[in-house]
Amino acid sequence: MINRLDHIAIAVQDLDAALGTFVSVLGCDPGSIVIEEVPSEKVRVAFIPIGESHIELLEPLGDEGAVSKFLAKNGEGMHHIALATDDLGQETERVTSLGLNPLGQPSTGAGGKKIVFLHPRQTNRVLFELVEPDPHHH
């Protein structure tokens, strides 16, 4: 079962410049921001906390990878909406039974989360990420 909004992800060309903007707009504590690289997704990410959710900024690492291709095609902007679940396997089975196609197999994303994406052609052109948070990370 989906139990909360985990994060909204925004693709950016320059993570450091975007962080300056988002910290100003959101008025958040820069010390609360978690930055990490996710080599499997070819991105550098920053998680900015907002209550129990986050804004995730995505900067591509090089010219390969989905975020780099997204930026080349669309420019900066909203990339995906991540929805949290306590059981990614069960939730993936549930949405598959409804005829939705996951984009690949579940994998490990930022913050040690188990993740799987749903194809935006089937979800009104919104890329959804299902995430099962790792209780030992943010």
Protein backbone atom coordinates (compact mmCIF):
# COMPACT_ATOMS: atom_id res chain seq x y z
CA MET A 1 0.00 0.00 0.00
CA ILE A 2 1.18 3.52 -0.79
CA ASN A 3 1.41 5.33 2.54
CA ARG A 4 2.91 8.76 1.83
CA LEU A 5 4.62 11.06 -0.63
CA ASP A 6 8.34 10.31 -0.30
CA HIS A 7 9.73 13.03 -2.56
CA ILE A 8 9.32 15.11 -5.68
CA ALA A 9 12.38 14.99 -7.92
CA ILE A 10 13.58 17.90 -10.03
CA ALA A 11 16.23 17.51 -12.73
CA VAL A 12 18.86 20.27 -12.71
CA GLN A 13 22.01 21.02 -14.70
CA ASP A 14 24.01 22.37 -11.73
CA LEU A 15 23.18 20.92 -8.31
CA ASP A 16 25.13 23.51 -6.31
CA ALA A 17 23.47 26.47 -8.05
CA ALA A 18 20.03 24.87 -7.71
CA LEU A 19 20.63 24.22 -4.01
CA GLY A 20 21.20 27.93 -3.45
CA THR A 21 17.86 28.71 -5.07
CA PHE A 22 15.91 26.00 -3.26
CA VAL A 23 17.40 26.78 0.16
CA SER A 24 16.36 30.42 -0.32
CA VAL A 25 12.85 29.61 -1.55
CA LEU A 26 12.16 26.95 1.10
CA GLY A 27 13.93 28.73 3.95
CA CYS A 28 15.43 25.46 5.14
CA ASP A 29 18.55 24.72 7.15
CA PRO A 30 21.39 23.94 4.72
CA GLY A 31 22.78 21.54 7.34
CA SER A 32 19.70 19.33 6.96
CA ILE A 33 20.37 18.62 3.27
CA VAL A 34 21.78 15.21 2.36
CA ILE A 35 23.91 15.01 -0.81
CA GLU A 36 25.08 11.75 -2.35
CA GLU A 37 26.06 10.16 -5.65
CA VAL A 38 24.05 7.26 -7.05
CA PRO A 39 26.37 5.68 -9.63
CA SER A 40 23.78 3.10 -10.70
CA GLU A 41 21.46 5.94 -11.79
CA LYS A 42 24.35 8.16 -12.97
CA VAL A 43 23.26 11.09 -10.79
CA ARG A 44 24.32 13.25 -7.89
CA VAL A 45 21.34 14.02 -5.65
CA ALA A 46 20.41 16.39 -2.87
CA PHE A 47 17.51 15.66 -0.53
CA ILE A 48 15.94 18.77 1.00
CA PRO A 49 13.57 17.88 3.86
CA ILE A 50 10.08 19.34 3.99
CA GLY A 51 8.18 17.78 6.88
CA GLU A 52 8.09 14.03 6.27
CA SER A 53 8.79 14.44 2.54
CA HIS A 54 11.68 15.79 0.50
CA ILE A 55 12.49 17.71 -2.63
CA GLU A 56 15.15 15.72 -4.49
CA LEU A 57 17.42 17.59 -6.88
CA LEU A 58 18.99 15.40 -9.59
CA GLU A 59 22.19 16.37 -11.40
CA PRO A 60 23.48 14.00 -14.08
CA LEU A 61 26.98 12.56 -13.78
CA GLY A 62 28.08 12.90 -17.39
CA ASP A 63 26.11 12.55 -20.60
CA GLU A 64 24.72 9.06 -20.02
CA GLY A 65 21.74 8.03 -17.95
CA ALA A 66 18.04 8.82 -17.79
CA VAL A 67 18.39 12.24 -16.11
CA SER A 68 20.93 13.46 -18.65
CA LYS A 69 18.62 12.37 -21.48
CA PHE A 70 15.64 14.00 -19.73
CA LEU A 71 17.50 17.33 -19.46
CA ALA A 72 18.60 17.19 -23.11
CA LYS A 73 15.00 16.62 -24.21
CA ASN A 74 13.02 18.71 -21.70
CA GLY A 75 15.37 21.06 -19.89
CA GLU A 76 15.28 21.51 -16.13
CA GLY A 77 12.10 20.74 -14.24
CA MET A 78 10.05 18.13 -12.45
CA HIS A 79 11.32 14.63 -13.19
CA HIS A 80 9.27 12.26 -11.02
CA ILE A 81 7.05 11.81 -7.99
CA ALA A 82 8.12 9.15 -5.48
CA LEU A 83 5.53 7.29 -3.43
CA ALA A 84 6.54 5.36 -0.30
CA THR A 85 5.45 1.84 0.51
CA ASP A 86 6.43 -0.58 3.27
CA ASP A 87 6.65 -3.51 0.83
CA LEU A 88 7.97 -2.73 -2.64
CA GLY A 89 7.58 -6.31 -3.86
CA GLN A 90 3.92 -6.46 -2.89
CA GLU A 91 3.20 -2.99 -4.29
CA THR A 92 4.96 -3.81 -7.58
CA GLU A 93 2.81 -6.95 -7.88
CA ARG A 94 -0.32 -4.93 -7.14
CA VAL A 95 0.29 -2.29 -9.82
CA THR A 96 1.39 -4.94 -12.32
CA SER A 97 -1.92 -6.76 -11.72
CA LEU A 98 -3.64 -3.49 -12.70
CA GLY A 99 -1.81 -3.54 -16.05
CA LEU A 100 0.90 -1.01 -15.19
CA ASN A 101 4.39 -1.87 -16.39
CA PRO A 102 7.39 -1.25 -14.15
CA LEU A 103 10.46 0.08 -15.94
CA GLY A 104 12.85 -2.77 -15.17
CA GLN A 105 13.37 -4.69 -11.98
CA PRO A 106 13.48 -3.17 -8.50
CA SER A 107 16.91 -1.80 -7.65
CA THR A 108 18.65 0.25 -4.96
CA GLY A 109 18.42 4.04 -5.21
CA ALA A 110 19.55 7.01 -3.15
CA GLY A 111 19.45 6.59 0.61
CA GLY A 112 19.53 2.79 0.25
CA LYS A 113 15.87 2.76 -0.83
CA LYS A 114 14.49 -0.10 -2.89
CA ILE A 115 12.98 1.52 -5.98
CA VAL A 116 11.06 0.80 -9.16
CA PHE A 117 9.67 3.25 -11.72
CA LEU A 118 6.33 3.01 -13.53
CA HIS A 119 6.13 3.88 -17.22
CA PRO A 120 4.75 7.42 -17.71
CA ARG A 121 2.82 6.36 -20.83
CA GLN A 122 0.48 4.55 -18.49
CA THR A 123 0.25 7.20 -15.76
CA ASN A 124 -0.85 10.36 -17.55
CA ARG A 125 2.75 11.23 -18.50
CA VAL A 126 3.88 11.34 -14.86
CA LEU A 127 6.90 9.24 -14.00
CA PHE A 128 6.15 7.58 -10.65
CA GLU A 129 8.80 5.97 -8.50
CA LEU A 130 7.72 3.47 -5.88
CA VAL A 131 10.14 3.44 -2.95
CA GLU A 132 10.61 1.29 0.10
CA PRO A 133 12.71 3.36 2.48
CA ASP A 134 15.72 1.83 4.19
CA PRO A 135 15.05 2.38 7.91
CA HIS A 136 18.75 3.15 8.45
CA HIS A 137 18.84 6.11 6.01
CA HIS A 138 16.94 9.41 5.55
